[in-house]
N, C-alpha and C. Protein backbone atom coordinates (compact mmCIF):
# COMPACT_ATOMS: atom_id res chain seq x y z
N UNK A 1 21.57 6.05 -20.13
CA UNK A 1 20.48 5.44 -19.35
C UNK A 1 19.99 4.09 -20.04
N UNK A 2 19.20 3.32 -19.30
CA UNK A 2 18.67 2.07 -19.90
C UNK A 2 17.82 2.38 -21.05
N UNK A 3 17.08 3.49 -21.07
CA UNK A 3 16.20 3.78 -22.21
C UNK A 3 16.98 3.97 -23.50
N UNK A 4 18.16 4.69 -23.41
CA UNK A 4 18.94 4.91 -24.61
C UNK A 4 19.64 3.60 -25.11
N UNK A 5 19.92 2.77 -24.17
CA UNK A 5 20.71 1.52 -24.49
C UNK A 5 19.76 0.46 -25.05
N UNK A 6 18.64 0.29 -24.36
CA UNK A 6 17.67 -0.76 -24.69
C UNK A 6 17.08 -0.64 -26.07
N UNK A 7 17.25 -1.60 -26.85
CA UNK A 7 16.62 -1.65 -28.23
C UNK A 7 15.83 -2.90 -28.39
N UNK A 8 14.57 -2.84 -28.71
CA UNK A 8 13.72 -4.00 -28.89
C UNK A 8 12.83 -3.67 -30.05
N UNK A 9 12.81 -4.50 -31.13
CA UNK A 9 12.00 -4.25 -32.22
C UNK A 9 10.52 -4.31 -31.95
N UNK A 10 10.13 -4.98 -30.85
CA UNK A 10 8.69 -5.04 -30.40
C UNK A 10 8.26 -3.73 -29.66
N UNK A 11 9.22 -2.91 -29.33
CA UNK A 11 8.90 -1.73 -28.53
C UNK A 11 8.06 -0.75 -29.33
N UNK A 12 6.88 -0.40 -28.87
CA UNK A 12 5.99 0.50 -29.60
C UNK A 12 6.27 1.91 -29.38
N UNK A 13 6.72 2.32 -28.21
CA UNK A 13 7.02 3.69 -27.84
C UNK A 13 8.52 3.92 -28.10
N UNK A 14 8.73 4.86 -28.96
CA UNK A 14 10.16 5.22 -29.27
C UNK A 14 10.67 6.54 -28.67
N UNK A 15 9.70 7.24 -28.08
CA UNK A 15 10.05 8.54 -27.47
C UNK A 15 9.59 8.60 -25.97
N UNK A 16 10.43 9.17 -25.17
CA UNK A 16 9.99 9.27 -23.71
C UNK A 16 10.75 10.56 -23.19
N UNK A 17 10.11 11.13 -22.21
CA UNK A 17 10.78 12.26 -21.47
C UNK A 17 10.83 11.85 -20.05
N UNK A 18 11.98 11.99 -19.46
CA UNK A 18 12.17 11.65 -18.08
C UNK A 18 12.43 12.95 -17.31
N UNK A 19 11.66 13.12 -16.24
CA UNK A 19 11.69 14.37 -15.55
C UNK A 19 12.22 14.12 -14.13
N UNK A 20 13.13 14.95 -13.78
CA UNK A 20 13.63 14.98 -12.36
C UNK A 20 13.12 16.18 -11.71
N UNK A 21 12.10 16.02 -10.82
CA UNK A 21 11.50 17.21 -10.22
C UNK A 21 10.78 16.76 -8.94
N UNK A 22 10.42 17.73 -8.12
CA UNK A 22 9.54 17.49 -6.94
C UNK A 22 8.22 17.22 -7.40
N UNK A 23 7.71 16.05 -7.20
CA UNK A 23 6.44 15.70 -7.77
C UNK A 23 5.21 16.41 -7.07
N UNK A 24 5.44 17.05 -6.01
CA UNK A 24 4.43 17.89 -5.36
C UNK A 24 4.17 19.19 -6.21
N UNK A 25 5.26 19.61 -6.88
CA UNK A 25 5.20 20.82 -7.72
C UNK A 25 5.07 20.58 -9.21
N UNK A 26 5.22 19.28 -9.60
CA UNK A 26 5.24 18.99 -11.03
C UNK A 26 3.88 19.29 -11.69
N UNK A 27 3.88 19.89 -12.83
CA UNK A 27 2.68 20.09 -13.64
C UNK A 27 2.64 19.10 -14.79
N UNK A 28 1.57 18.35 -14.84
CA UNK A 28 1.47 17.31 -15.91
C UNK A 28 1.48 17.96 -17.30
N UNK A 29 2.05 17.21 -18.25
CA UNK A 29 1.91 17.84 -19.64
C UNK A 29 0.46 17.66 -20.07
N UNK A 30 -0.06 18.39 -21.06
CA UNK A 30 -1.39 18.25 -21.53
C UNK A 30 -1.53 17.30 -22.67
N UNK A 31 -0.70 16.24 -22.58
CA UNK A 31 -0.71 15.19 -23.50
C UNK A 31 -0.87 13.81 -22.77
N UNK A 32 -1.11 12.74 -23.51
CA UNK A 32 -1.25 11.46 -22.82
C UNK A 32 0.16 11.18 -22.07
N UNK A 33 -0.02 10.64 -20.88
CA UNK A 33 1.18 10.51 -20.01
C UNK A 33 1.06 9.20 -19.20
N UNK A 34 2.26 8.66 -18.98
CA UNK A 34 2.39 7.52 -18.04
C UNK A 34 3.28 8.00 -16.85
N UNK A 35 2.81 7.84 -15.67
CA UNK A 35 3.50 8.22 -14.46
C UNK A 35 3.97 6.97 -13.79
N UNK A 36 5.21 6.89 -13.38
CA UNK A 36 5.81 5.78 -12.78
C UNK A 36 6.12 6.07 -11.29
N UNK A 37 5.63 5.24 -10.44
CA UNK A 37 5.92 5.36 -8.99
C UNK A 37 6.42 4.09 -8.43
N UNK A 38 7.52 4.08 -7.74
CA UNK A 38 8.05 2.96 -7.00
C UNK A 38 8.17 3.32 -5.53
N UNK A 39 7.07 3.29 -4.80
CA UNK A 39 6.99 3.67 -3.40
C UNK A 39 7.89 4.88 -3.08
N UNK A 40 7.49 6.03 -3.68
CA UNK A 40 8.41 7.20 -3.58
C UNK A 40 8.36 7.92 -2.29
N UNK A 41 7.37 7.68 -1.44
CA UNK A 41 7.18 8.49 -0.28
C UNK A 41 6.20 7.89 0.76
N UNK A 42 5.97 8.59 1.84
CA UNK A 42 4.96 8.13 2.80
C UNK A 42 3.63 8.36 2.29
N UNK A 43 2.66 7.67 2.90
CA UNK A 43 1.29 7.69 2.47
C UNK A 43 0.66 9.11 2.36
N UNK A 44 0.80 9.96 3.38
CA UNK A 44 0.23 11.36 3.30
C UNK A 44 0.68 12.12 2.08
N UNK A 45 1.96 11.96 1.76
CA UNK A 45 2.51 12.72 0.62
C UNK A 45 2.04 12.17 -0.69
N UNK A 46 1.97 10.84 -0.79
CA UNK A 46 1.43 10.20 -2.00
C UNK A 46 -0.04 10.59 -2.20
N UNK A 47 -0.82 10.75 -1.13
CA UNK A 47 -2.21 11.21 -1.21
C UNK A 47 -2.26 12.63 -1.75
N UNK A 48 -1.38 13.45 -1.42
CA UNK A 48 -1.32 14.79 -1.93
C UNK A 48 -1.00 14.78 -3.42
N UNK A 49 -0.02 13.91 -3.80
CA UNK A 49 0.37 13.78 -5.17
C UNK A 49 -0.79 13.29 -6.03
N UNK A 50 -1.51 12.31 -5.57
CA UNK A 50 -2.65 11.82 -6.26
C UNK A 50 -3.72 12.83 -6.39
N UNK A 51 -3.98 13.58 -5.34
CA UNK A 51 -4.92 14.69 -5.40
C UNK A 51 -4.51 15.70 -6.38
N UNK A 52 -3.25 16.10 -6.45
CA UNK A 52 -2.74 17.10 -7.42
C UNK A 52 -3.01 16.59 -8.84
N UNK A 53 -2.73 15.32 -9.10
CA UNK A 53 -2.92 14.80 -10.45
C UNK A 53 -4.34 14.78 -10.76
N UNK A 54 -5.19 14.40 -9.87
CA UNK A 54 -6.68 14.36 -10.08
C UNK A 54 -7.15 15.81 -10.44
N UNK A 55 -6.70 16.79 -9.65
CA UNK A 55 -7.10 18.21 -9.91
C UNK A 55 -6.64 18.64 -11.38
N UNK A 56 -5.41 18.30 -11.72
CA UNK A 56 -4.93 18.63 -13.03
C UNK A 56 -5.72 17.95 -14.10
N UNK A 57 -6.16 16.72 -13.89
CA UNK A 57 -6.99 16.04 -14.94
C UNK A 57 -8.35 16.53 -15.02
N UNK A 58 -8.94 17.02 -13.92
CA UNK A 58 -10.25 17.66 -13.97
C UNK A 58 -10.24 18.99 -14.70
N UNK A 59 -9.09 19.74 -14.61
CA UNK A 59 -8.95 21.01 -15.25
C UNK A 59 -8.86 20.78 -16.75
N UNK A 60 -8.08 19.70 -17.13
CA UNK A 60 -7.78 19.48 -18.57
C UNK A 60 -7.71 17.95 -18.74
N UNK A 61 -8.80 17.40 -19.26
CA UNK A 61 -8.88 15.94 -19.40
C UNK A 61 -7.90 15.47 -20.45
N UNK A 62 -7.23 14.44 -20.14
CA UNK A 62 -6.33 13.73 -21.04
C UNK A 62 -6.09 12.35 -20.54
N UNK A 63 -5.53 11.50 -21.37
CA UNK A 63 -5.33 10.11 -20.93
C UNK A 63 -4.01 9.99 -20.09
N UNK A 64 -4.18 9.56 -18.89
CA UNK A 64 -3.03 9.41 -17.97
C UNK A 64 -3.13 8.06 -17.22
N UNK A 65 -2.03 7.32 -17.27
CA UNK A 65 -1.96 6.12 -16.52
C UNK A 65 -0.87 6.26 -15.42
N UNK A 66 -1.15 5.58 -14.34
CA UNK A 66 -0.18 5.61 -13.20
C UNK A 66 0.21 4.16 -13.01
N UNK A 67 1.56 3.94 -13.18
CA UNK A 67 2.18 2.58 -12.97
C UNK A 67 2.70 2.61 -11.58
N UNK A 68 2.15 1.81 -10.71
CA UNK A 68 2.63 1.81 -9.26
C UNK A 68 3.23 0.46 -8.98
N UNK A 69 4.54 0.53 -8.78
CA UNK A 69 5.31 -0.70 -8.61
C UNK A 69 5.53 -0.93 -7.10
N UNK A 70 5.41 -2.17 -6.70
CA UNK A 70 5.55 -2.57 -5.25
C UNK A 70 4.64 -1.69 -4.38
N UNK A 71 3.34 -1.73 -4.72
CA UNK A 71 2.39 -0.90 -4.13
C UNK A 71 2.16 -1.08 -2.65
N UNK A 72 2.54 -0.08 -1.87
CA UNK A 72 2.32 -0.11 -0.42
C UNK A 72 0.99 0.58 0.02
N UNK A 73 0.58 1.56 -0.78
CA UNK A 73 -0.65 2.34 -0.46
C UNK A 73 -1.56 2.39 -1.63
N UNK A 74 -2.01 1.27 -2.14
CA UNK A 74 -2.89 1.31 -3.34
C UNK A 74 -4.21 2.06 -3.16
N UNK A 75 -4.70 2.05 -1.94
CA UNK A 75 -5.99 2.73 -1.65
C UNK A 75 -5.84 4.23 -1.92
N UNK A 76 -4.72 4.76 -1.87
CA UNK A 76 -4.53 6.17 -2.16
C UNK A 76 -5.06 6.55 -3.57
N UNK A 77 -4.75 5.68 -4.51
CA UNK A 77 -5.16 5.95 -5.87
C UNK A 77 -6.69 5.83 -6.08
N UNK A 78 -7.22 4.68 -5.50
CA UNK A 78 -8.67 4.54 -5.59
C UNK A 78 -9.39 5.61 -4.85
N UNK A 79 -8.90 6.04 -3.71
CA UNK A 79 -9.52 7.16 -2.93
C UNK A 79 -9.58 8.44 -3.66
N UNK A 80 -8.56 8.64 -4.53
CA UNK A 80 -8.50 9.87 -5.33
C UNK A 80 -9.21 9.76 -6.61
N UNK A 81 -9.92 8.67 -6.86
CA UNK A 81 -10.81 8.54 -8.10
C UNK A 81 -10.18 7.87 -9.24
N UNK A 82 -9.01 7.22 -9.00
CA UNK A 82 -8.41 6.43 -10.07
C UNK A 82 -8.95 4.98 -10.08
N UNK A 83 -9.01 4.36 -11.26
CA UNK A 83 -9.49 3.11 -11.39
C UNK A 83 -8.36 2.07 -11.69
N UNK A 84 -8.39 0.95 -11.00
CA UNK A 84 -7.35 -0.06 -11.20
C UNK A 84 -7.71 -0.75 -12.53
N UNK A 85 -6.85 -0.67 -13.54
CA UNK A 85 -7.13 -1.28 -14.81
C UNK A 85 -6.35 -2.63 -15.03
N UNK A 86 -5.30 -2.79 -14.30
CA UNK A 86 -4.53 -4.00 -14.36
C UNK A 86 -3.64 -4.20 -13.19
N UNK A 87 -3.46 -5.44 -12.76
CA UNK A 87 -2.61 -5.74 -11.62
C UNK A 87 -1.88 -7.07 -11.86
N UNK A 88 -0.65 -7.09 -11.59
CA UNK A 88 0.20 -8.27 -11.73
C UNK A 88 0.85 -8.49 -10.36
N UNK A 89 0.35 -9.34 -9.58
CA UNK A 89 0.92 -9.56 -8.24
C UNK A 89 2.24 -10.29 -8.31
N UNK A 90 2.50 -11.18 -9.32
CA UNK A 90 3.77 -11.80 -9.51
C UNK A 90 4.86 -10.79 -9.73
N UNK A 91 4.66 -9.84 -10.66
CA UNK A 91 5.59 -8.85 -10.95
C UNK A 91 5.52 -7.61 -10.01
N UNK A 92 4.46 -7.63 -9.20
CA UNK A 92 4.38 -6.54 -8.21
C UNK A 92 4.05 -5.14 -8.68
N UNK A 93 3.01 -5.00 -9.53
CA UNK A 93 2.64 -3.69 -9.94
C UNK A 93 1.20 -3.59 -10.15
N UNK A 94 0.69 -2.37 -10.23
CA UNK A 94 -0.66 -1.99 -10.49
C UNK A 94 -0.77 -0.85 -11.47
N UNK A 95 -1.64 -0.88 -12.42
CA UNK A 95 -1.80 0.15 -13.36
C UNK A 95 -3.19 0.79 -13.16
N UNK A 96 -3.20 2.13 -13.03
CA UNK A 96 -4.45 2.86 -12.75
C UNK A 96 -4.63 3.88 -13.90
N UNK A 97 -5.94 4.26 -14.07
CA UNK A 97 -6.28 5.35 -14.91
C UNK A 97 -7.34 6.19 -14.18
N UNK A 98 -7.54 7.44 -14.62
CA UNK A 98 -8.43 8.27 -13.93
C UNK A 98 -9.82 8.19 -14.46
N UNK A 99 -10.76 8.15 -13.49
CA UNK A 99 -12.21 8.00 -13.80
C UNK A 99 -12.89 9.27 -14.15
N UNK A 100 -12.39 10.35 -13.63
CA UNK A 100 -13.00 11.69 -13.69
C UNK A 100 -13.43 12.18 -15.04
């Protein structure tokens, strides 16, 4: 994979776990997490995913960021209580964290 091949001395994170799973059933780890979404589904499903993440974070607070690339439904994240912390329109992404 690109992660195994790519080596950059400026890279701060040296460990990552990539999960292949149905994100409607996925349980977040109880550690700091970055979630990556590249328009994975229709708006109603994304709203369910955001709600599931919000529920998990309310049960067990931890630092979670959502990296949303090529955002088609950004309101889904804000409606679920996530806060936009960074946006780059040129590169086409938004970064959210949870307010709860």
